[in-house]
């Protein structure tokens, strides 16, 4: 519409594209508010705990292998 009817050509198409992307981004973020950030923090905390557990298990298994080798 901007490119053809308003005579902006390719620049009008780029303006429409950028505006569409901006509006879609704002609409996607708006409903989350602080609840989305809290959820992300909790998920990150769970991942860190899982990684810590798997690291401890791997170290224990390595110690068992080293003990069996001697």
PDB file of N, CA and C in Angstrom:
ATOM      1  N   UNK A   1       0.815  -1.182   0.000  1.00  0.00           N
ATOM      2  CA  UNK A   1       0.000   0.000   0.000  1.00  0.00           C
ATOM      3  C   UNK A   1       0.876   1.270   0.000  1.00  0.00           C
ATOM      4  N   UNK A   2       1.875   1.296   0.880  1.00  0.00           N
ATOM      5  CA  UNK A   2       2.749   2.480   0.897  1.00  0.00           C
ATOM      6  C   UNK A   2       3.561   2.582  -0.382  1.00  0.00           C
ATOM      7  N   UNK A   3       3.974   1.444  -0.903  1.00  0.00           N
ATOM      8  CA  UNK A   3       4.810   1.455  -2.094  1.00  0.00           C
ATOM      9  C   UNK A   3       4.076   1.872  -3.343  1.00  0.00           C
ATOM     10  N   UNK A   4       2.830   1.413  -3.509  1.00  0.00           N
ATOM     11  CA  UNK A   4       2.128   1.665  -4.759  1.00  0.00           C
ATOM     12  C   UNK A   4       1.198   2.876  -4.686  1.00  0.00           C
ATOM     13  N   UNK A   5       0.355   2.948  -3.673  1.00  0.00           N
ATOM     14  CA  UNK A   5      -0.665   3.991  -3.625  1.00  0.00           C
ATOM     15  C   UNK A   5      -0.119   5.356  -3.200  1.00  0.00           C
ATOM     16  N   UNK A   6       0.876   5.359  -2.330  1.00  0.00           N
ATOM     17  CA  UNK A   6       1.430   6.640  -1.872  1.00  0.00           C
ATOM     18  C   UNK A   6       2.679   7.042  -2.639  1.00  0.00           C
ATOM     19  N   UNK A   7       3.089   6.211  -3.581  1.00  0.00           N
ATOM     20  CA  UNK A   7       4.206   6.554  -4.449  1.00  0.00           C
ATOM     21  C   UNK A   7       5.568   6.492  -3.775  1.00  0.00           C
ATOM     22  N   UNK A   8       5.704   5.717  -2.715  1.00  0.00           N
ATOM     23  CA  UNK A   8       6.993   5.629  -2.029  1.00  0.00           C
ATOM     24  C   UNK A   8       7.892   4.534  -2.600  1.00  0.00           C
ATOM     25  N   UNK A   9       7.342   3.681  -3.412  1.00  0.00           N
ATOM     26  CA  UNK A   9       8.139   2.640  -4.049  1.00  0.00           C
ATOM     27  C   UNK A   9       8.717   1.658  -3.056  1.00  0.00           C
ATOM     28  N   UNK A  10       9.957   1.260  -3.315  1.00  0.00           N
ATOM     29  CA  UNK A  10      10.620   0.270  -2.472  1.00  0.00           C
ATOM     30  C   UNK A  10      10.806   0.772  -1.038  1.00  0.00           C
ATOM     31  N   UNK A  11      11.026   2.051  -0.873  1.00  0.00           N
ATOM     32  CA  UNK A  11      11.157   2.619   0.478  1.00  0.00           C
ATOM     33  C   UNK A  11       9.866   2.421   1.277  1.00  0.00           C
ATOM     34  N   UNK A  12       8.715   2.563   0.626  1.00  0.00           N
ATOM     35  CA  UNK A  12       7.436   2.350   1.292  1.00  0.00           C
ATOM     36  C   UNK A  12       7.255   0.907   1.733  1.00  0.00           C
ATOM     37  N   UNK A  13       7.736  -0.008   0.900  1.00  0.00           N
ATOM     38  CA  UNK A  13       7.657  -1.429   1.264  1.00  0.00           C
ATOM     39  C   UNK A  13       8.511  -1.695   2.492  1.00  0.00           C
ATOM     40  N   UNK A  14       9.713  -1.130   2.542  1.00  0.00           N
ATOM     41  CA  UNK A  14      10.590  -1.322   3.698  1.00  0.00           C
ATOM     42  C   UNK A  14      10.001  -0.687   4.961  1.00  0.00           C
ATOM     43  N   UNK A  15       9.382   0.466   4.821  1.00  0.00           N
ATOM     44  CA  UNK A  15       8.739   1.117   5.976  1.00  0.00           C
ATOM     45  C   UNK A  15       7.608   0.243   6.500  1.00  0.00           C
ATOM     46  N   UNK A  16       6.793  -0.307   5.600  1.00  0.00           N
ATOM     47  CA  UNK A  16       5.688  -1.171   6.006  1.00  0.00           C
ATOM     48  C   UNK A  16       6.212  -2.433   6.687  1.00  0.00           C
ATOM     49  N   UNK A  17       7.268  -3.001   6.138  1.00  0.00           N
ATOM     50  CA  UNK A  17       7.859  -4.214   6.716  1.00  0.00           C
ATOM     51  C   UNK A  17       8.387  -3.938   8.118  1.00  0.00           C
ATOM     52  N   UNK A  18       9.126  -2.857   8.283  1.00  0.00           N
ATOM     53  CA  UNK A  18       9.700  -2.518   9.594  1.00  0.00           C
ATOM     54  C   UNK A  18       8.602  -2.233  10.610  1.00  0.00           C
ATOM     55  N   UNK A  19       7.555  -1.532  10.178  1.00  0.00           N
ATOM     56  CA  UNK A  19       6.440  -1.230  11.077  1.00  0.00           C
ATOM     57  C   UNK A  19       5.730  -2.504  11.501  1.00  0.00           C
ATOM     58  N   UNK A  20       5.520  -3.416  10.583  1.00  0.00           N
ATOM     59  CA  UNK A  20       4.874  -4.688  10.889  1.00  0.00           C
ATOM     60  C   UNK A  20       5.692  -5.489  11.908  1.00  0.00           C
ATOM     61  N   UNK A  21       6.998  -5.559  11.689  1.00  0.00           N
ATOM     62  CA  UNK A  21       7.865  -6.296  12.621  1.00  0.00           C
ATOM     63  C   UNK A  21       7.828  -5.676  14.018  1.00  0.00           C
ATOM     64  N   UNK A  22       7.870  -4.366  14.098  1.00  0.00           N
ATOM     65  CA  UNK A  22       7.843  -3.658  15.378  1.00  0.00           C
ATOM     66  C   UNK A  22       6.539  -3.921  16.124  1.00  0.00           C
ATOM     67  N   UNK A  23       5.418  -3.803  15.417  1.00  0.00           N
ATOM     68  CA  UNK A  23       4.116  -4.025  16.057  1.00  0.00           C
ATOM     69  C   UNK A  23       3.959  -5.464  16.523  1.00  0.00           C
ATOM     70  N   UNK A  24       4.390  -6.400  15.717  1.00  0.00           N
ATOM     71  CA  UNK A  24       4.294  -7.810  16.118  1.00  0.00           C
ATOM     72  C   UNK A  24       5.159  -8.082  17.349  1.00  0.00           C
ATOM     73  N   UNK A  25       6.333  -7.489  17.393  1.00  0.00           N
ATOM     74  CA  UNK A  25       7.208  -7.655  18.552  1.00  0.00           C
ATOM     75  C   UNK A  25       6.591  -7.082  19.811  1.00  0.00           C
ATOM     76  N   UNK A  26       5.998  -5.901  19.705  1.00  0.00           N
ATOM     77  CA  UNK A  26       5.358  -5.290  20.866  1.00  0.00           C
ATOM     78  C   UNK A  26       4.160  -6.095  21.338  1.00  0.00           C
ATOM     79  N   UNK A  27       3.392  -6.632  20.407  1.00  0.00           N
ATOM     80  CA  UNK A  27       2.227  -7.433  20.779  1.00  0.00           C
ATOM     81  C   UNK A  27       2.631  -8.758  21.419  1.00  0.00           C
ATOM     82  N   UNK A  28       3.765  -9.307  21.011  1.00  0.00           N
ATOM     83  CA  UNK A  28       4.235 -10.560  21.603  1.00  0.00           C
ATOM     84  C   UNK A  28       4.746 -10.350  23.017  1.00  0.00           C
ATOM     85  N   UNK A  29       5.376  -9.234  23.285  1.00  0.00           N
ATOM     86  CA  UNK A  29       5.991  -8.983  24.583  1.00  0.00           C
ATOM     87  C   UNK A  29       4.988  -8.429  25.587  1.00  0.00           C
ATOM     88  N   UNK A  30       4.035  -7.650  25.146  1.00  0.00           N
ATOM     89  CA  UNK A  30       3.117  -6.945  26.034  1.00  0.00           C
ATOM     90  C   UNK A  30       2.391  -7.846  27.036  1.00  0.00           C
ATOM     91  N   UNK A  31       1.823  -8.987  26.670  1.00  0.00           N
ATOM     92  CA  UNK A  31       1.067  -9.776  27.647  1.00  0.00           C
ATOM     93  C   UNK A  31       1.941 -10.417  28.723  1.00  0.00           C
ATOM     94  N   UNK A  32       3.214 -10.554  28.476  1.00  0.00           N
ATOM     95  CA  UNK A  32       4.070 -11.244  29.441  1.00  0.00           C
ATOM     96  C   UNK A  32       4.263 -10.442  30.725  1.00  0.00           C
ATOM     97  N   UNK A  33       4.631  -9.193  30.583  1.00  0.00           N
ATOM     98  CA  UNK A  33       4.896  -8.372  31.757  1.00  0.00           C
ATOM     99  C   UNK A  33       6.004  -8.981  32.606  1.00  0.00           C
ATOM    100  N   UNK A  34       5.893  -8.867  33.923  1.00  0.00           N
ATOM    101  CA  UNK A  34       6.887  -9.434  34.826  1.00  0.00           C
ATOM    102  C   UNK A  34       6.727 -10.934  34.986  1.00  0.00           C
ATOM    103  N   UNK A  35       5.543 -11.463  34.717  1.00  0.00           N
ATOM    104  CA  UNK A  35       5.308 -12.901  34.888  1.00  0.00           C
ATOM    105  C   UNK A  35       6.217 -13.714  33.970  1.00  0.00           C
ATOM    106  N   UNK A  36       6.438 -13.231  32.765  1.00  0.00           N
ATOM    107  CA  UNK A  36       7.309 -13.940  31.839  1.00  0.00           C
ATOM    108  C   UNK A  36       8.744 -13.972  32.325  1.00  0.00           C
ATOM    109  N   UNK A  37       9.200 -12.874  32.917  1.00  0.00           N
ATOM    110  CA  UNK A  37      10.567 -12.833  33.422  1.00  0.00           C
ATOM    111  C   UNK A  37      10.730 -13.749  34.627  1.00  0.00           C
ATOM    112  N   UNK A  38       9.719 -13.790  35.483  1.00  0.00           N
ATOM    113  CA  UNK A  38       9.793 -14.685  36.644  1.00  0.00           C
ATOM    114  C   UNK A  38       9.862 -16.134  36.198  1.00  0.00           C
ATOM    115  N   UNK A  39       9.069 -16.469  35.182  1.00  0.00           N
ATOM    116  CA  UNK A  39       9.072 -17.831  34.660  1.00  0.00           C
ATOM    117  C   UNK A  39      10.443 -18.164  34.073  1.00  0.00           C
ATOM    118  N   UNK A  40      11.043 -17.216  33.363  1.00  0.00           N
ATOM    119  CA  UNK A  40      12.351 -17.436  32.765  1.00  0.00           C
ATOM    120  C   UNK A  40      13.412 -17.618  33.847  1.00  0.00           C
ATOM    121  N   UNK A  41      13.321 -16.842  34.911  1.00  0.00           N
ATOM    122  CA  UNK A  41      14.291 -16.987  36.007  1.00  0.00           C
ATOM    123  C   UNK A  41      14.170 -18.350  36.665  1.00  0.00           C
ATOM    124  N   UNK A  42      12.937 -18.808  36.876  1.00  0.00           N
ATOM    125  CA  UNK A  42      12.732 -20.117  37.502  1.00  0.00           C
ATOM    126  C   UNK A  42      13.258 -21.229  36.602  1.00  0.00           C
ATOM    127  N   UNK A  43      13.030 -21.119  35.298  1.00  0.00           N
ATOM    128  CA  UNK A  43      13.522 -22.133  34.367  1.00  0.00           C
ATOM    129  C   UNK A  43      15.049 -22.138  34.347  1.00  0.00           C
ATOM    130  N   UNK A  44      15.656 -20.968  34.378  1.00  0.00           N
ATOM    131  CA  UNK A  44      17.114 -20.885  34.392  1.00  0.00           C
ATOM    132  C   UNK A  44      17.679 -21.495  35.671  1.00  0.00           C
ATOM    133  N   UNK A  45      17.023 -21.257  36.789  1.00  0.00           N
ATOM    134  CA  UNK A  45      17.455 -21.831  38.058  1.00  0.00           C
ATOM    135  C   UNK A  45      17.383 -23.359  38.015  1.00  0.00           C
ATOM    136  N   UNK A  46      16.297 -23.903  37.442  1.00  0.00           N
ATOM    137  CA  UNK A  46      16.162 -25.362  37.333  1.00  0.00           C
ATOM    138  C   UNK A  46      17.257 -25.944  36.460  1.00  0.00           C
ATOM    139  N   UNK A  47      17.568 -25.276  35.347  1.00  0.00           N
ATOM    140  CA  UNK A  47      18.627 -25.767  34.470  1.00  0.00           C
ATOM    141  C   UNK A  47      19.982 -25.776  35.164  1.00  0.00           C
ATOM    142  N   UNK A  48      20.264 -24.712  35.923  1.00  0.00           N
ATOM    143  CA  UNK A  48      21.543 -24.673  36.649  1.00  0.00           C
ATOM    144  C   UNK A  48      21.640 -25.803  37.654  1.00  0.00           C
ATOM    145  N   UNK A  49      20.543 -26.091  38.369  1.00  0.00           N
ATOM    146  CA  UNK A  49      20.546 -27.181  39.339  1.00  0.00           C
ATOM    147  C   UNK A  49      20.727 -28.532  38.653  1.00  0.00           C
ATOM    148  N   UNK A  50      20.078 -28.728  37.516  1.00  0.00           N
ATOM    149  CA  UNK A  50      20.231 -29.982  36.776  1.00  0.00           C
ATOM    150  C   UNK A  50      21.668 -30.146  36.296  1.00  0.00           C
ATOM    151  N   UNK A  51      22.282 -29.078  35.824  1.00  0.00           N
ATOM    152  CA  UNK A  51      23.660 -29.157  35.361  1.00  0.00           C
ATOM    153  C   UNK A  51      24.602 -29.457  36.522  1.00  0.00           C
ATOM    154  N   UNK A  52      24.334 -28.869  37.677  1.00  0.00           N
ATOM    155  CA  UNK A  52      25.166 -29.126  38.852  1.00  0.00           C
ATOM    156  C   UNK A  52      25.043 -30.580  39.277  1.00  0.00           C
ATOM    157  N   UNK A  53      23.820 -31.124  39.230  1.00  0.00           N
ATOM    158  CA  UNK A  53      23.619 -32.525  39.590  1.00  0.00           C
ATOM    159  C   UNK A  53      24.334 -33.449  38.619  1.00  0.00           C
ATOM    160  N   UNK A  54      24.232 -33.176  37.322  1.00  0.00           N
ATOM    161  CA  UNK A  54      24.871 -34.043  36.333  1.00  0.00           C
ATOM    162  C   UNK A  54      26.390 -33.944  36.434  1.00  0.00           C
ATOM    163  N   UNK A  55      26.917 -32.774  36.771  1.00  0.00           N
ATOM    164  CA  UNK A  55      28.367 -32.623  36.951  1.00  0.00           C
ATOM    165  C   UNK A  55      28.841 -33.435  38.146  1.00  0.00           C
ATOM    166  N   UNK A  56      28.084 -33.386  39.236  1.00  0.00           N
ATOM    167  CA  UNK A  56      28.452 -34.156  40.422  1.00  0.00           C
ATOM    168  C   UNK A  56      28.395 -35.652  40.131  1.00  0.00           C
ATOM    169  N   UNK A  57      27.398 -36.101  39.389  1.00  0.00           N
ATOM    170  CA  UNK A  57      27.287 -37.514  39.033  1.00  0.00           C
ATOM    171  C   UNK A  57      28.449 -37.943  38.145  1.00  0.00           C
ATOM    172  N   UNK A  58      28.837 -37.093  37.195  1.00  0.00           N
ATOM    173  CA  UNK A  58      29.945 -37.416  36.299  1.00  0.00           C
ATOM    174  C   UNK A  58      31.256 -37.506  37.068  1.00  0.00           C
ATOM    175  N   UNK A  59      31.468 -36.607  38.015  1.00  0.00           N
ATOM    176  CA  UNK A  59      32.681 -36.650  38.814  1.00  0.00           C
ATOM    177  C   UNK A  59      32.719 -37.902  39.679  1.00  0.00           C
ATOM    178  N   UNK A  60      31.569 -38.298  40.242  1.00  0.00           N
ATOM    179  CA  UNK A  60      31.512 -39.493  41.058  1.00  0.00           C
ATOM    180  C   UNK A  60      31.792 -40.732  40.216  1.00  0.00           C
ATOM    181  N   UNK A  61      31.253 -40.787  39.008  1.00  0.00           N
ATOM    182  CA  UNK A  61      31.501 -41.921  38.114  1.00  0.00           C
ATOM    183  C   UNK A  61      32.971 -41.986  37.724  1.00  0.00           C
ATOM    184  N   UNK A  62      33.592 -40.860  37.465  1.00  0.00           N
ATOM    185  CA  UNK A  62      35.013 -40.821  37.129  1.00  0.00           C
ATOM    186  C   UNK A  62      35.861 -41.313  38.292  1.00  0.00           C
ATOM    187  N   UNK A  63      35.518 -40.924  39.490  1.00  0.00           N
ATOM    188  CA  UNK A  63      36.252 -41.389  40.664  1.00  0.00           C
ATOM    189  C   UNK A  63      36.099 -42.900  40.823  1.00  0.00           C
ATOM    190  N   UNK A  64      34.908 -43.444  40.539  1.00  0.00           N
ATOM    191  CA  UNK A  64      34.701 -44.884  40.616  1.00  0.00           C
ATOM    192  C   UNK A  64      35.549 -45.623  39.595  1.00  0.00           C
ATOM    193  N   UNK A  65      35.644 -45.090  38.392  1.00  0.00           N
ATOM    194  CA  UNK A  65      36.450 -45.705  37.339  1.00  0.00           C
ATOM    195  C   UNK A  65      37.921 -45.661  37.720  1.00  0.00           C
ATOM    196  N   UNK A  66      38.373 -44.540  38.248  1.00  0.00           N
ATOM    197  CA  UNK A  66      39.771 -44.413  38.644  1.00  0.00           C
ATOM    198  C   UNK A  66      40.087 -45.352  39.806  1.00  0.00           C
ATOM    199  N   UNK A  67      39.178 -45.510  40.732  1.00  0.00           N
ATOM    200  CA  UNK A  67      39.377 -46.400  41.871  1.00  0.00           C
ATOM    201  C   UNK A  67      39.423 -47.857  41.410  1.00  0.00           C
ATOM    202  N   UNK A  68      38.611 -48.206  40.430  1.00  0.00           N
ATOM    203  CA  UNK A  68      38.584 -49.581  39.928  1.00  0.00           C
ATOM    204  C   UNK A  68      39.844 -49.885  39.126  1.00  0.00           C
ATOM    205  N   UNK A  69      40.446 -48.889  38.515  1.00  0.00           N
ATOM    206  CA  UNK A  69      41.643 -49.096  37.706  1.00  0.00           C
ATOM    207  C   UNK A  69      42.876 -49.349  38.569  1.00  0.00           C
ATOM    208  N   UNK A  70      42.869 -48.887  39.809  1.00  0.00           N
ATOM    209  CA  UNK A  70      44.054 -49.063  40.669  1.00  0.00           C
ATOM    210  C   UNK A  70      43.980 -50.307  41.481  1.00  0.00           C
TER     211      UNK A  70
END
